Amino acid sequence: MNTHKIATSRTQWLWKTLIGVVLGLTLSFGLVGLFAWAGPDNLHSDLSSERLLWKSQMHMWMVTPLWMLIVTFSYLFKTAKEAAISLVIGNLCVFGCLFIIKDLL
């Protein structure tokens, strides 16, 4: 195998990891925010303190599995540039929907 190809695959792997970690975290925050605002018993409904505690705990613990799923799928892109573009577009769409939903509710 060509040494240039090995070095390129190592840098692609490193960049895909960094892109997946950083942009994946923001994407998972946005997805959980969408679920919190638009899901059942959204944040504007009157909830008991116990129900609100369970709801907030569920949202808090949903971030990590979503984040790891996004990081894992970031390795399926052919290049790190494709991963970055896709995750940036995903973040823009999710946060755009989140801001629209927050204004509507």
Protein backbone atom coordinates (compact mmCIF):
# COMPACT_ATOMS: atom_id res chain seq x y z
CA MET A 1 0.00 0.00 0.00
CA ASN A 2 1.19 3.48 -0.80
CA THR A 3 2.47 5.46 2.21
CA HIS A 4 0.68 8.59 0.94
CA LYS A 5 -2.62 6.72 0.96
CA ILE A 6 -2.00 5.50 4.54
CA ALA A 7 -1.17 9.03 5.75
CA THR A 8 -4.25 10.41 3.99
CA SER A 9 -6.53 7.80 5.56
CA ARG A 10 -5.10 8.58 9.01
CA THR A 11 -5.74 12.30 8.63
CA GLN A 12 -9.23 11.60 7.27
CA TRP A 13 -9.90 9.40 10.29
CA LEU A 14 -8.70 12.12 12.69
CA TRP A 15 -10.78 14.84 11.00
CA LYS A 16 -13.87 12.64 10.83
CA THR A 17 -13.50 11.98 14.57
CA LEU A 18 -13.16 15.67 15.43
CA ILE A 19 -16.04 16.64 13.14
CA GLY A 20 -18.25 13.90 14.54
CA VAL A 21 -17.46 14.85 18.14
CA VAL A 22 -17.95 18.61 17.82
CA LEU A 23 -20.74 18.86 15.26
CA GLY A 24 -22.36 15.66 16.50
CA LEU A 25 -22.67 17.11 20.00
CA THR A 26 -24.35 20.25 18.76
CA LEU A 27 -26.64 18.20 16.53
CA SER A 28 -27.65 15.94 19.41
CA PHE A 29 -28.37 19.00 21.60
CA GLY A 30 -30.58 20.37 18.83
CA LEU A 31 -32.43 17.08 18.32
CA VAL A 32 -33.10 16.72 22.04
CA GLY A 33 -34.24 20.35 22.14
CA LEU A 34 -36.67 19.66 19.31
CA PHE A 35 -38.02 16.66 21.18
CA ALA A 36 -38.33 18.70 24.39
CA TRP A 37 -40.20 21.58 22.73
CA ALA A 38 -42.31 19.69 20.19
CA GLY A 39 -42.63 16.27 21.83
CA PRO A 40 -45.39 15.04 24.09
CA ASP A 41 -46.00 17.23 27.15
CA ASN A 42 -43.91 20.02 25.66
CA LEU A 43 -42.21 22.54 27.91
CA HIS A 44 -45.20 24.89 27.98
CA SER A 45 -47.65 22.42 29.50
CA ASP A 46 -48.36 22.42 33.23
CA LEU A 47 -46.48 19.50 34.70
CA SER A 48 -46.16 18.32 38.27
CA SER A 49 -42.70 18.63 39.80
CA GLU A 50 -42.21 14.86 39.66
CA ARG A 51 -43.24 14.66 35.99
CA LEU A 52 -40.98 17.61 35.14
CA LEU A 53 -38.08 15.90 36.92
CA TRP A 54 -38.58 12.68 34.93
CA LYS A 55 -38.92 14.64 31.69
CA SER A 56 -35.75 16.67 32.26
CA GLN A 57 -33.78 13.56 33.22
CA MET A 58 -34.93 11.76 30.08
CA HIS A 59 -33.87 14.68 27.89
CA MET A 60 -30.52 14.92 29.64
CA TRP A 61 -29.76 11.23 29.13
CA MET A 62 -30.90 11.22 25.49
CA VAL A 63 -27.98 13.43 24.45
CA THR A 64 -25.20 10.86 24.87
CA PRO A 65 -26.69 7.96 22.86
CA LEU A 66 -27.62 10.33 20.02
CA TRP A 67 -24.17 11.89 20.11
CA MET A 68 -22.38 8.53 19.95
CA LEU A 69 -24.65 7.40 17.12
CA ILE A 70 -23.76 10.53 15.12
CA VAL A 71 -20.04 10.09 15.84
CA THR A 72 -20.25 6.47 14.70
CA PHE A 73 -22.04 7.37 11.47
CA SER A 74 -19.54 10.14 10.73
CA TYR A 75 -17.02 7.43 9.75
CA LEU A 76 -19.30 6.27 6.93
CA PHE A 77 -18.64 9.42 4.90
CA LYS A 78 -16.06 9.09 2.15
CA THR A 79 -14.14 12.21 3.18
CA ALA A 80 -14.02 14.49 6.20
CA LYS A 81 -15.23 17.36 4.03
CA GLU A 82 -18.43 15.46 3.21
CA ALA A 83 -18.94 14.72 6.91
CA ALA A 84 -18.45 18.37 7.84
CA ILE A 85 -20.80 19.68 5.16
CA SER A 86 -23.50 17.14 6.02
CA LEU A 87 -23.32 17.77 9.76
CA VAL A 88 -23.27 21.56 9.33
CA ILE A 89 -26.37 21.37 7.11
CA GLY A 90 -28.00 19.05 9.65
CA ASN A 91 -27.20 21.48 12.47
CA LEU A 92 -28.58 24.43 10.53
CA CYS A 93 -31.81 22.57 9.75
CA VAL A 94 -32.32 21.32 13.30
CA PHE A 95 -31.58 24.63 14.99
CA GLY A 96 -33.66 26.50 12.41
CA CYS A 97 -36.61 24.22 13.19
CA LEU A 98 -35.95 24.60 16.90
CA PHE A 99 -36.06 28.40 16.78
CA ILE A 100 -39.20 28.34 14.64
CA ILE A 101 -40.94 25.90 17.00
CA LYS A 102 -39.93 27.88 20.08
CA ASP A 103 -41.44 31.02 18.54
CA LEU A 104 -44.66 29.23 17.57
CA LEU A 105 -45.29 27.63 20.96
